[in-house]
Amino acid sequence: MWEIDPKSFSTHFRVPGRAVLRFRCTAEHLEARCDGGRDTEENVVAACLYCNNNRHKRKRPKDPASYANFVRSRLERGRWHPFRLKHRPG
């Protein structure tokens, strides 16, 4: 994820054009605000814009613990994000 410099992130991971925008760092509410979630340290985590926008759009969104397990399993398989990143050495 990037917070300040999308150009550097784009160059480093070879993310083309506007696709870099989906990797912007955002605040993800584990329990959505519309469901009563609050702006507390326990309820807010960092997430890329893509994941933040799509997690709650599912027909049956996963609860926070299940979603955390889902993300961890994708990380273990090297597939943390649907958009494949290519690290450019150096």
N, C-alpha and C. Protein backbone atom coordinates (compact mmCIF):
# COMPACT_ATOMS: atom_id res chain seq x y z
N MET A 1 0.84 -1.18 0.00
CA MET A 1 0.00 0.00 0.00
C MET A 1 0.89 1.24 0.00
N TRP A 2 0.34 2.32 -0.47
CA TRP A 2 1.03 3.60 -0.40
C TRP A 2 0.12 4.60 0.29
N GLU A 3 0.73 5.56 0.95
CA GLU A 3 -0.04 6.59 1.64
C GLU A 3 0.22 7.96 1.03
N ILE A 4 1.45 8.23 0.60
CA ILE A 4 1.81 9.56 0.15
C ILE A 4 2.28 9.59 -1.30
N ASP A 5 3.02 8.57 -1.73
CA ASP A 5 3.71 8.63 -3.01
C ASP A 5 3.31 7.50 -3.97
N PRO A 6 2.22 7.66 -4.72
CA PRO A 6 1.80 6.61 -5.64
C PRO A 6 2.80 6.36 -6.76
N LYS A 7 3.52 7.38 -7.16
CA LYS A 7 4.47 7.23 -8.27
C LYS A 7 5.59 6.27 -7.90
N SER A 8 6.13 6.42 -6.71
CA SER A 8 7.19 5.54 -6.23
C SER A 8 6.68 4.10 -6.12
N PHE A 9 5.49 3.91 -5.59
CA PHE A 9 4.89 2.58 -5.47
C PHE A 9 4.69 1.97 -6.85
N SER A 10 4.19 2.76 -7.78
CA SER A 10 3.94 2.30 -9.14
C SER A 10 5.23 1.84 -9.81
N THR A 11 6.29 2.60 -9.63
CA THR A 11 7.58 2.25 -10.21
C THR A 11 8.15 1.00 -9.56
N HIS A 12 8.09 0.94 -8.25
CA HIS A 12 8.67 -0.17 -7.50
C HIS A 12 7.99 -1.51 -7.83
N PHE A 13 6.66 -1.49 -7.96
CA PHE A 13 5.91 -2.73 -8.19
C PHE A 13 5.38 -2.88 -9.61
N ARG A 14 5.78 -1.95 -10.49
CA ARG A 14 5.35 -1.99 -11.89
C ARG A 14 3.83 -2.00 -12.05
N VAL A 15 3.16 -1.15 -11.32
CA VAL A 15 1.71 -1.02 -11.42
C VAL A 15 1.41 0.09 -12.42
N PRO A 16 0.71 -0.24 -13.49
CA PRO A 16 0.47 0.75 -14.55
C PRO A 16 -0.59 1.79 -14.20
N GLY A 17 -0.38 3.00 -14.71
CA GLY A 17 -1.36 4.08 -14.69
C GLY A 17 -2.23 4.20 -13.46
N ARG A 18 -3.54 4.27 -13.71
CA ARG A 18 -4.51 4.50 -12.64
C ARG A 18 -4.71 3.29 -11.73
N ALA A 19 -4.20 2.12 -12.13
CA ALA A 19 -4.34 0.92 -11.28
C ALA A 19 -3.69 1.13 -9.91
N VAL A 20 -2.70 2.02 -9.85
CA VAL A 20 -2.01 2.28 -8.58
C VAL A 20 -2.98 2.85 -7.53
N LEU A 21 -4.06 3.47 -7.95
CA LEU A 21 -5.00 4.08 -7.02
C LEU A 21 -5.66 3.05 -6.10
N ARG A 22 -5.85 1.83 -6.60
CA ARG A 22 -6.51 0.81 -5.77
C ARG A 22 -5.65 0.37 -4.60
N PHE A 23 -4.35 0.73 -4.60
CA PHE A 23 -3.44 0.34 -3.52
C PHE A 23 -3.27 1.43 -2.47
N ARG A 24 -4.03 2.50 -2.57
CA ARG A 24 -3.93 3.58 -1.58
C ARG A 24 -4.34 3.07 -0.21
N CYS A 25 -3.61 3.45 0.81
CA CYS A 25 -3.89 3.04 2.18
C CYS A 25 -5.12 3.78 2.71
N THR A 26 -6.06 3.03 3.25
CA THR A 26 -7.28 3.62 3.81
C THR A 26 -7.54 3.02 5.20
N ALA A 27 -8.47 3.59 5.92
CA ALA A 27 -8.89 3.06 7.22
C ALA A 27 -10.11 2.16 6.99
N GLU A 28 -9.96 0.89 7.29
CA GLU A 28 -11.02 -0.10 7.14
C GLU A 28 -11.66 -0.35 8.50
N HIS A 29 -12.98 -0.21 8.56
CA HIS A 29 -13.70 -0.51 9.79
C HIS A 29 -14.06 -1.99 9.78
N LEU A 30 -13.59 -2.72 10.78
CA LEU A 30 -13.88 -4.15 10.85
C LEU A 30 -15.38 -4.38 10.97
N GLU A 31 -16.00 -3.63 11.85
CA GLU A 31 -17.47 -3.60 11.90
C GLU A 31 -17.86 -2.28 11.24
N ALA A 32 -18.56 -2.37 10.13
CA ALA A 32 -18.89 -1.19 9.34
C ALA A 32 -19.62 -0.14 10.18
N ARG A 33 -19.37 1.10 9.86
CA ARG A 33 -20.04 2.19 10.58
C ARG A 33 -21.55 2.10 10.42
N CYS A 34 -22.00 1.67 9.23
CA CYS A 34 -23.45 1.56 9.02
C CYS A 34 -24.06 0.45 9.88
N ASP A 35 -23.23 -0.45 10.41
CA ASP A 35 -23.70 -1.52 11.30
C ASP A 35 -23.41 -1.20 12.75
N GLY A 36 -23.03 0.03 13.03
CA GLY A 36 -22.77 0.45 14.40
C GLY A 36 -21.30 0.46 14.79
N GLY A 37 -20.42 0.17 13.84
CA GLY A 37 -18.99 0.18 14.14
C GLY A 37 -18.51 1.58 14.48
N ARG A 38 -17.57 1.66 15.40
CA ARG A 38 -17.09 2.96 15.84
C ARG A 38 -15.68 3.21 15.36
N ASP A 39 -15.24 4.45 15.46
CA ASP A 39 -13.89 4.85 15.08
C ASP A 39 -12.95 4.64 16.27
N THR A 40 -12.72 3.37 16.61
CA THR A 40 -11.84 3.04 17.72
C THR A 40 -10.64 2.24 17.20
N GLU A 41 -9.58 2.22 17.98
CA GLU A 41 -8.36 1.51 17.59
C GLU A 41 -8.64 0.03 17.34
N GLU A 42 -9.54 -0.56 18.11
CA GLU A 42 -9.86 -1.98 17.96
C GLU A 42 -10.67 -2.27 16.70
N ASN A 43 -11.33 -1.26 16.15
CA ASN A 43 -12.23 -1.47 15.02
C ASN A 43 -11.68 -0.96 13.68
N VAL A 44 -10.58 -0.26 13.70
CA VAL A 44 -10.04 0.33 12.47
C VAL A 44 -8.66 -0.26 12.18
N VAL A 45 -8.48 -0.73 10.94
CA VAL A 45 -7.20 -1.28 10.50
C VAL A 45 -6.86 -0.67 9.15
N ALA A 46 -5.58 -0.78 8.75
CA ALA A 46 -5.16 -0.32 7.44
C ALA A 46 -5.57 -1.34 6.38
N ALA A 47 -6.07 -0.84 5.26
CA ALA A 47 -6.44 -1.69 4.13
C ALA A 47 -6.30 -0.89 2.85
N CYS A 48 -5.98 -1.58 1.77
CA CYS A 48 -5.91 -0.88 0.49
C CYS A 48 -7.32 -0.47 0.08
N LEU A 49 -7.40 0.53 -0.76
CA LEU A 49 -8.69 1.05 -1.19
C LEU A 49 -9.56 -0.03 -1.83
N TYR A 50 -8.96 -0.89 -2.64
CA TYR A 50 -9.70 -1.95 -3.31
C TYR A 50 -10.39 -2.86 -2.29
N CYS A 51 -9.64 -3.34 -1.31
CA CYS A 51 -10.21 -4.25 -0.30
C CYS A 51 -11.25 -3.53 0.55
N ASN A 52 -10.96 -2.30 0.91
CA ASN A 52 -11.89 -1.52 1.72
C ASN A 52 -13.22 -1.33 1.00
N ASN A 53 -13.17 -1.05 -0.29
CA ASN A 53 -14.40 -0.82 -1.05
C ASN A 53 -15.18 -2.09 -1.34
N ASN A 54 -14.49 -3.24 -1.38
CA ASN A 54 -15.17 -4.45 -1.82
C ASN A 54 -15.57 -5.42 -0.71
N ARG A 55 -14.99 -5.32 0.44
CA ARG A 55 -15.30 -6.27 1.51
C ARG A 55 -16.77 -6.27 1.87
N HIS A 56 -17.36 -5.13 2.04
CA HIS A 56 -18.75 -5.05 2.50
C HIS A 56 -19.76 -5.13 1.36
N LYS A 57 -19.30 -5.19 0.11
CA LYS A 57 -20.21 -5.27 -1.03
C LYS A 57 -20.65 -6.70 -1.33
N ARG A 58 -20.01 -7.67 -0.70
CA ARG A 58 -20.37 -9.07 -0.95
C ARG A 58 -21.80 -9.34 -0.48
N LYS A 59 -22.42 -10.34 -1.09
CA LYS A 59 -23.78 -10.71 -0.67
C LYS A 59 -23.80 -11.10 0.80
N ARG A 60 -22.77 -11.83 1.21
CA ARG A 60 -22.66 -12.26 2.60
C ARG A 60 -21.27 -11.89 3.11
N PRO A 61 -21.08 -10.63 3.55
CA PRO A 61 -19.75 -10.21 4.02
C PRO A 61 -19.27 -11.06 5.18
N LYS A 62 -17.99 -11.35 5.20
CA LYS A 62 -17.40 -12.12 6.30
C LYS A 62 -17.32 -11.25 7.54
N ASP A 63 -17.47 -11.89 8.70
CA ASP A 63 -17.28 -11.16 9.95
C ASP A 63 -15.79 -10.84 10.07
N PRO A 64 -15.41 -9.90 10.94
CA PRO A 64 -14.01 -9.47 11.01
C PRO A 64 -13.01 -10.62 11.22
N ALA A 65 -13.29 -11.57 12.10
CA ALA A 65 -12.35 -12.67 12.36
C ALA A 65 -12.20 -13.55 11.13
N SER A 66 -13.29 -13.86 10.46
CA SER A 66 -13.24 -14.69 9.26
C SER A 66 -12.50 -13.97 8.13
N TYR A 67 -12.71 -12.67 8.02
CA TYR A 67 -12.03 -11.92 6.98
C TYR A 67 -10.53 -11.86 7.26
N ALA A 68 -10.15 -11.71 8.51
CA ALA A 68 -8.73 -11.70 8.88
C ALA A 68 -8.09 -13.04 8.50
N ASN A 69 -8.79 -14.15 8.76
CA ASN A 69 -8.27 -15.47 8.40
C ASN A 69 -8.14 -15.60 6.88
N PHE A 70 -9.11 -15.07 6.16
CA PHE A 70 -9.10 -15.10 4.70
C PHE A 70 -7.87 -14.35 4.17
N VAL A 71 -7.62 -13.16 4.71
CA VAL A 71 -6.47 -12.36 4.28
C VAL A 71 -5.17 -13.08 4.62
N ARG A 72 -5.08 -13.63 5.84
CA ARG A 72 -3.86 -14.35 6.23
C ARG A 72 -3.59 -15.53 5.31
N SER A 73 -4.63 -16.27 4.94
CA SER A 73 -4.43 -17.42 4.06
C SER A 73 -3.95 -16.98 2.68
N ARG A 74 -4.46 -15.85 2.19
CA ARG A 74 -3.99 -15.34 0.90
C ARG A 74 -2.54 -14.88 1.00
N LEU A 75 -2.17 -14.28 2.11
CA LEU A 75 -0.78 -13.85 2.30
C LEU A 75 0.16 -15.05 2.30
N GLU A 76 -0.24 -16.12 2.98
CA GLU A 76 0.60 -17.31 3.05
C GLU A 76 0.82 -17.92 1.67
N ARG A 77 -0.16 -17.79 0.78
CA ARG A 77 -0.04 -18.33 -0.57
C ARG A 77 0.58 -17.32 -1.54
N GLY A 78 0.94 -16.14 -1.03
CA GLY A 78 1.53 -15.12 -1.89
C GLY A 78 0.52 -14.46 -2.81
N ARG A 79 -0.74 -14.51 -2.45
CA ARG A 79 -1.80 -13.94 -3.27
C ARG A 79 -2.67 -13.00 -2.42
N TRP A 80 -2.03 -12.02 -1.83
CA TRP A 80 -2.76 -11.14 -0.92
C TRP A 80 -3.74 -10.24 -1.62
N HIS A 81 -3.58 -10.01 -2.91
CA HIS A 81 -4.42 -9.07 -3.63
C HIS A 81 -4.73 -9.63 -5.01
N PRO A 82 -5.95 -9.42 -5.53
CA PRO A 82 -6.27 -9.93 -6.86
C PRO A 82 -5.40 -9.38 -7.98
N PHE A 83 -4.83 -8.21 -7.77
CA PHE A 83 -3.94 -7.60 -8.76
C PHE A 83 -2.52 -8.03 -8.45
N ARG A 84 -1.91 -8.80 -9.28
CA ARG A 84 -0.57 -9.33 -9.04
C ARG A 84 0.50 -8.24 -9.16
N LEU A 85 1.31 -8.12 -8.13
CA LEU A 85 2.40 -7.14 -8.13
C LEU A 85 3.67 -7.81 -8.60
N LYS A 86 4.47 -7.06 -9.32
CA LYS A 86 5.77 -7.54 -9.78
C LYS A 86 6.83 -6.61 -9.20
N HIS A 87 7.55 -7.13 -8.24
CA HIS A 87 8.59 -6.32 -7.59
C HIS A 87 9.76 -6.08 -8.56
N ARG A 88 10.16 -4.86 -8.68
CA ARG A 88 11.31 -4.50 -9.51
C ARG A 88 12.51 -4.36 -8.59
N PRO A 89 13.50 -5.26 -8.70
CA PRO A 89 14.68 -5.18 -7.82
C PRO A 89 15.38 -3.83 -7.94
N GLY A 90 15.99 -3.44 -6.83
CA GLY A 90 16.76 -2.21 -6.84
C GLY A 90 15.96 -1.12 -6.37
